[in-house]
Amino acid sequence: MKRITASVLLACLAIGLTSGLSGCGKKGSPEAPGPGDKITYPRFYPTE
């Protein structure tokens, strides 16, 4: 009986943690900060 209770408790804890984390995060594609004409990334560096 203790094993079943522990399993149910662990399952509830896992569901609670994953559902709490699923709401985090930014939706949509990532965009560089700042105006488009000021973005310097990616930058090409000289070979020597």
PDB file of N, CA and C in Angstrom:
ATOM      1  N   MET A   1       0.817  -1.196   0.000  1.00  0.00           N
ATOM      2  CA  MET A   1       0.000   0.000   0.000  1.00  0.00           C
ATOM      3  C   MET A   1       0.863   1.263   0.000  1.00  0.00           C
ATOM      4  N   LYS A   2       1.977   1.217   0.729  1.00  0.00           N
ATOM      5  CA  LYS A   2       2.860   2.379   0.767  1.00  0.00           C
ATOM      6  C   LYS A   2       3.479   2.659  -0.602  1.00  0.00           C
ATOM      7  N   ARG A   3       3.746   1.571  -1.344  1.00  0.00           N
ATOM      8  CA  ARG A   3       4.355   1.737  -2.663  1.00  0.00           C
ATOM      9  C   ARG A   3       3.394   2.422  -3.635  1.00  0.00           C
ATOM     10  N   ILE A   4       2.121   2.066  -3.557  1.00  0.00           N
ATOM     11  CA  ILE A   4       1.112   2.681  -4.420  1.00  0.00           C
ATOM     12  C   ILE A   4       0.955   4.160  -4.059  1.00  0.00           C
ATOM     13  N   THR A   5       0.930   4.466  -2.776  1.00  0.00           N
ATOM     14  CA  THR A   5       0.790   5.851  -2.331  1.00  0.00           C
ATOM     15  C   THR A   5       1.989   6.686  -2.775  1.00  0.00           C
ATOM     16  N   ALA A   6       3.173   6.105  -2.654  1.00  0.00           N
ATOM     17  CA  ALA A   6       4.379   6.819  -3.082  1.00  0.00           C
ATOM     18  C   ALA A   6       4.370   7.042  -4.592  1.00  0.00           C
ATOM     19  N   SER A   7       3.907   6.057  -5.341  1.00  0.00           N
ATOM     20  CA  SER A   7       3.844   6.193  -6.798  1.00  0.00           C
ATOM     21  C   SER A   7       2.855   7.278  -7.214  1.00  0.00           C
ATOM     22  N   VAL A   8       1.700   7.304  -6.567  1.00  0.00           N
ATOM     23  CA  VAL A   8       0.691   8.315  -6.870  1.00  0.00           C
ATOM     24  C   VAL A   8       1.208   9.707  -6.500  1.00  0.00           C
ATOM     25  N   LEU A   9       1.855   9.800  -5.361  1.00  0.00           N
ATOM     26  CA  LEU A   9       2.417  11.083  -4.931  1.00  0.00           C
ATOM     27  C   LEU A   9       3.494  11.558  -5.894  1.00  0.00           C
ATOM     28  N   LEU A  10       4.358  10.661  -6.320  1.00  0.00           N
ATOM     29  CA  LEU A  10       5.404  11.013  -7.276  1.00  0.00           C
ATOM     30  C   LEU A  10       4.817  11.433  -8.619  1.00  0.00           C
ATOM     31  N   ALA A  11       3.782  10.750  -9.078  1.00  0.00           N
ATOM     32  CA  ALA A  11       3.139  11.109 -10.341  1.00  0.00           C
ATOM     33  C   ALA A  11       2.491  12.486 -10.249  1.00  0.00           C
ATOM     34  N   CYS A  12       1.819  12.758  -9.126  1.00  0.00           N
ATOM     35  CA  CYS A  12       1.199  14.067  -8.949  1.00  0.00           C
ATOM     36  C   CYS A  12       2.252  15.179  -8.888  1.00  0.00           C
ATOM     37  N   LEU A  13       3.354  14.905  -8.227  1.00  0.00           N
ATOM     38  CA  LEU A  13       4.431  15.882  -8.143  1.00  0.00           C
ATOM     39  C   LEU A  13       5.031  16.152  -9.518  1.00  0.00           C
ATOM     40  N   ALA A  14       5.246  15.104 -10.294  1.00  0.00           N
ATOM     41  CA  ALA A  14       5.804  15.270 -11.638  1.00  0.00           C
ATOM     42  C   ALA A  14       4.850  16.052 -12.542  1.00  0.00           C
ATOM     43  N   ILE A  15       3.568  15.746 -12.463  1.00  0.00           N
ATOM     44  CA  ILE A  15       2.584  16.472 -13.274  1.00  0.00           C
ATOM     45  C   ILE A  15       2.511  17.929 -12.845  1.00  0.00           C
ATOM     46  N   GLY A  16       2.570  18.174 -11.551  1.00  0.00           N
ATOM     47  CA  GLY A  16       2.524  19.550 -11.062  1.00  0.00           C
ATOM     48  C   GLY A  16       3.723  20.368 -11.498  1.00  0.00           C
ATOM     49  N   LEU A  17       4.900  19.768 -11.452  1.00  0.00           N
ATOM     50  CA  LEU A  17       6.102  20.498 -11.868  1.00  0.00           C
ATOM     51  C   LEU A  17       6.127  20.761 -13.366  1.00  0.00           C
ATOM     52  N   THR A  18       5.758  19.759 -14.152  1.00  0.00           N
ATOM     53  CA  THR A  18       5.791  19.954 -15.600  1.00  0.00           C
ATOM     54  C   THR A  18       4.707  20.915 -16.071  1.00  0.00           C
ATOM     55  N   SER A  19       3.543  20.894 -15.431  1.00  0.00           N
ATOM     56  CA  SER A  19       2.505  21.833 -15.850  1.00  0.00           C
ATOM     57  C   SER A  19       2.860  23.258 -15.433  1.00  0.00           C
ATOM     58  N   GLY A  20       3.563  23.407 -14.343  1.00  0.00           N
ATOM     59  CA  GLY A  20       4.009  24.737 -13.931  1.00  0.00           C
ATOM     60  C   GLY A  20       5.067  25.294 -14.859  1.00  0.00           C
ATOM     61  N   LEU A  21       5.932  24.443 -15.349  1.00  0.00           N
ATOM     62  CA  LEU A  21       6.994  24.898 -16.250  1.00  0.00           C
ATOM     63  C   LEU A  21       6.516  25.056 -17.681  1.00  0.00           C
ATOM     64  N   SER A  22       5.421  24.421 -18.037  1.00  0.00           N
ATOM     65  CA  SER A  22       4.956  24.513 -19.417  1.00  0.00           C
ATOM     66  C   SER A  22       4.424  25.903 -19.750  1.00  0.00           C
ATOM     67  N   GLY A  23       4.047  26.664 -18.753  1.00  0.00           N
ATOM     68  CA  GLY A  23       3.563  28.018 -18.996  1.00  0.00           C
ATOM     69  C   GLY A  23       4.684  29.022 -19.193  1.00  0.00           C
ATOM     70  N   CYS A  24       5.902  28.653 -18.848  1.00  0.00           N
ATOM     71  CA  CYS A  24       7.037  29.566 -18.986  1.00  0.00           C
ATOM     72  C   CYS A  24       7.538  29.566 -20.428  1.00  0.00           C
ATOM     73  N   GLY A  25       8.226  30.624 -20.786  1.00  0.00           N
ATOM     74  CA  GLY A  25       8.827  30.686 -22.107  1.00  0.00           C
ATOM     75  C   GLY A  25       8.136  31.682 -23.005  1.00  0.00           C
ATOM     76  N   LYS A  26       8.887  32.143 -23.978  1.00  0.00           N
ATOM     77  CA  LYS A  26       8.370  33.130 -24.917  1.00  0.00           C
ATOM     78  C   LYS A  26       7.801  32.416 -26.130  1.00  0.00           C
ATOM     79  N   LYS A  27       6.669  32.859 -26.565  1.00  0.00           N
ATOM     80  CA  LYS A  27       6.059  32.267 -27.746  1.00  0.00           C
ATOM     81  C   LYS A  27       6.546  33.009 -28.995  1.00  0.00           C
ATOM     82  N   GLY A  28       6.649  32.288 -30.091  1.00  0.00           N
ATOM     83  CA  GLY A  28       7.067  32.888 -31.346  1.00  0.00           C
ATOM     84  C   GLY A  28       8.553  32.699 -31.600  1.00  0.00           C
ATOM     85  N   SER A  29       8.998  33.092 -32.775  1.00  0.00           N
ATOM     86  CA  SER A  29      10.400  32.931 -33.127  1.00  0.00           C
ATOM     87  C   SER A  29      11.255  33.984 -32.432  1.00  0.00           C
ATOM     88  N   PRO A  30      12.512  33.649 -32.121  1.00  0.00           N
ATOM     89  CA  PRO A  30      13.380  34.605 -31.444  1.00  0.00           C
ATOM     90  C   PRO A  30      13.789  35.748 -32.371  1.00  0.00           C
ATOM     91  N   GLU A  31      13.903  36.926 -31.817  1.00  0.00           N
ATOM     92  CA  GLU A  31      14.323  38.101 -32.579  1.00  0.00           C
ATOM     93  C   GLU A  31      15.444  38.801 -31.826  1.00  0.00           C
ATOM     94  N   ALA A  32      16.367  39.369 -32.557  1.00  0.00           N
ATOM     95  CA  ALA A  32      17.474  40.094 -31.941  1.00  0.00           C
ATOM     96  C   ALA A  32      16.952  41.388 -31.322  1.00  0.00           C
ATOM     97  N   PRO A  33      17.511  41.800 -30.182  1.00  0.00           N
ATOM     98  CA  PRO A  33      17.046  43.034 -29.554  1.00  0.00           C
ATOM     99  C   PRO A  33      17.528  44.263 -30.315  1.00  0.00           C
ATOM    100  N   GLY A  34      16.773  45.309 -30.230  1.00  0.00           N
ATOM    101  CA  GLY A  34      17.164  46.575 -30.847  1.00  0.00           C
ATOM    102  C   GLY A  34      16.654  46.740 -32.258  1.00  0.00           C
ATOM    103  N   PRO A  35      16.878  47.918 -32.829  1.00  0.00           N
ATOM    104  CA  PRO A  35      16.437  48.168 -34.207  1.00  0.00           C
ATOM    105  C   PRO A  35      17.249  47.355 -35.216  1.00  0.00           C
ATOM    106  N   GLY A  36      16.629  47.038 -36.327  1.00  0.00           N
ATOM    107  CA  GLY A  36      17.260  46.187 -37.327  1.00  0.00           C
ATOM    108  C   GLY A  36      18.524  46.751 -37.947  1.00  0.00           C
ATOM    109  N   ASP A  37      18.627  48.073 -38.070  1.00  0.00           N
ATOM    110  CA  ASP A  37      19.820  48.655 -38.684  1.00  0.00           C
ATOM    111  C   ASP A  37      21.016  48.714 -37.737  1.00  0.00           C
ATOM    112  N   LYS A  38      20.813  48.474 -36.448  1.00  0.00           N
ATOM    113  CA  LYS A  38      21.901  48.511 -35.471  1.00  0.00           C
ATOM    114  C   LYS A  38      22.428  47.122 -35.107  1.00  0.00           C
ATOM    115  N   ILE A  39      21.865  46.065 -35.668  1.00  0.00           N
ATOM    116  CA  ILE A  39      22.279  44.705 -35.330  1.00  0.00           C
ATOM    117  C   ILE A  39      23.602  44.388 -36.032  1.00  0.00           C
ATOM    118  N   THR A  40      24.593  43.964 -35.265  1.00  0.00           N
ATOM    119  CA  THR A  40      25.914  43.658 -35.831  1.00  0.00           C
ATOM    120  C   THR A  40      26.237  42.173 -35.754  1.00  0.00           C
ATOM    121  N   TYR A  41      25.282  41.359 -35.400  1.00  0.00           N
ATOM    122  CA  TYR A  41      25.515  39.924 -35.293  1.00  0.00           C
ATOM    123  C   TYR A  41      24.800  39.226 -36.425  1.00  0.00           C
ATOM    124  N   PRO A  42      25.324  38.239 -37.076  1.00  0.00           N
ATOM    125  CA  PRO A  42      26.667  37.675 -36.952  1.00  0.00           C
ATOM    126  C   PRO A  42      27.695  38.564 -37.638  1.00  0.00           C
ATOM    127  N   ARG A  43      28.847  38.589 -37.050  1.00  0.00           N
ATOM    128  CA  ARG A  43      29.931  39.434 -37.550  1.00  0.00           C
ATOM    129  C   ARG A  43      30.987  38.531 -38.197  1.00  0.00           C
ATOM    130  N   PHE A  44      31.556  38.985 -39.292  1.00  0.00           N
ATOM    131  CA  PHE A  44      32.618  38.231 -39.968  1.00  0.00           C
ATOM    132  C   PHE A  44      33.958  38.754 -39.486  1.00  0.00           C
ATOM    133  N   TYR A  45      34.817  37.844 -39.050  1.00  0.00           N
ATOM    134  CA  TYR A  45      36.121  38.217 -38.530  1.00  0.00           C
ATOM    135  C   TYR A  45      37.192  37.889 -39.565  1.00  0.00           C
ATOM    136  N   PRO A  46      38.285  38.667 -39.597  1.00  0.00           N
ATOM    137  CA  PRO A  46      39.371  38.376 -40.558  1.00  0.00           C
ATOM    138  C   PRO A  46      40.038  37.045 -40.233  1.00  0.00           C
ATOM    139  N   THR A  47      40.570  36.395 -41.251  1.00  0.00           N
ATOM    140  CA  THR A  47      41.209  35.097 -41.033  1.00  0.00           C
ATOM    141  C   THR A  47      42.576  35.236 -40.392  1.00  0.00           C
ATOM    142  N   GLU A  48      43.255  36.344 -40.573  1.00  0.00           N
ATOM    143  CA  GLU A  48      44.569  36.545 -39.961  1.00  0.00           C
ATOM    144  C   GLU A  48      44.618  37.851 -39.216  1.00  0.00           C
TER     145      GLU A  48
END
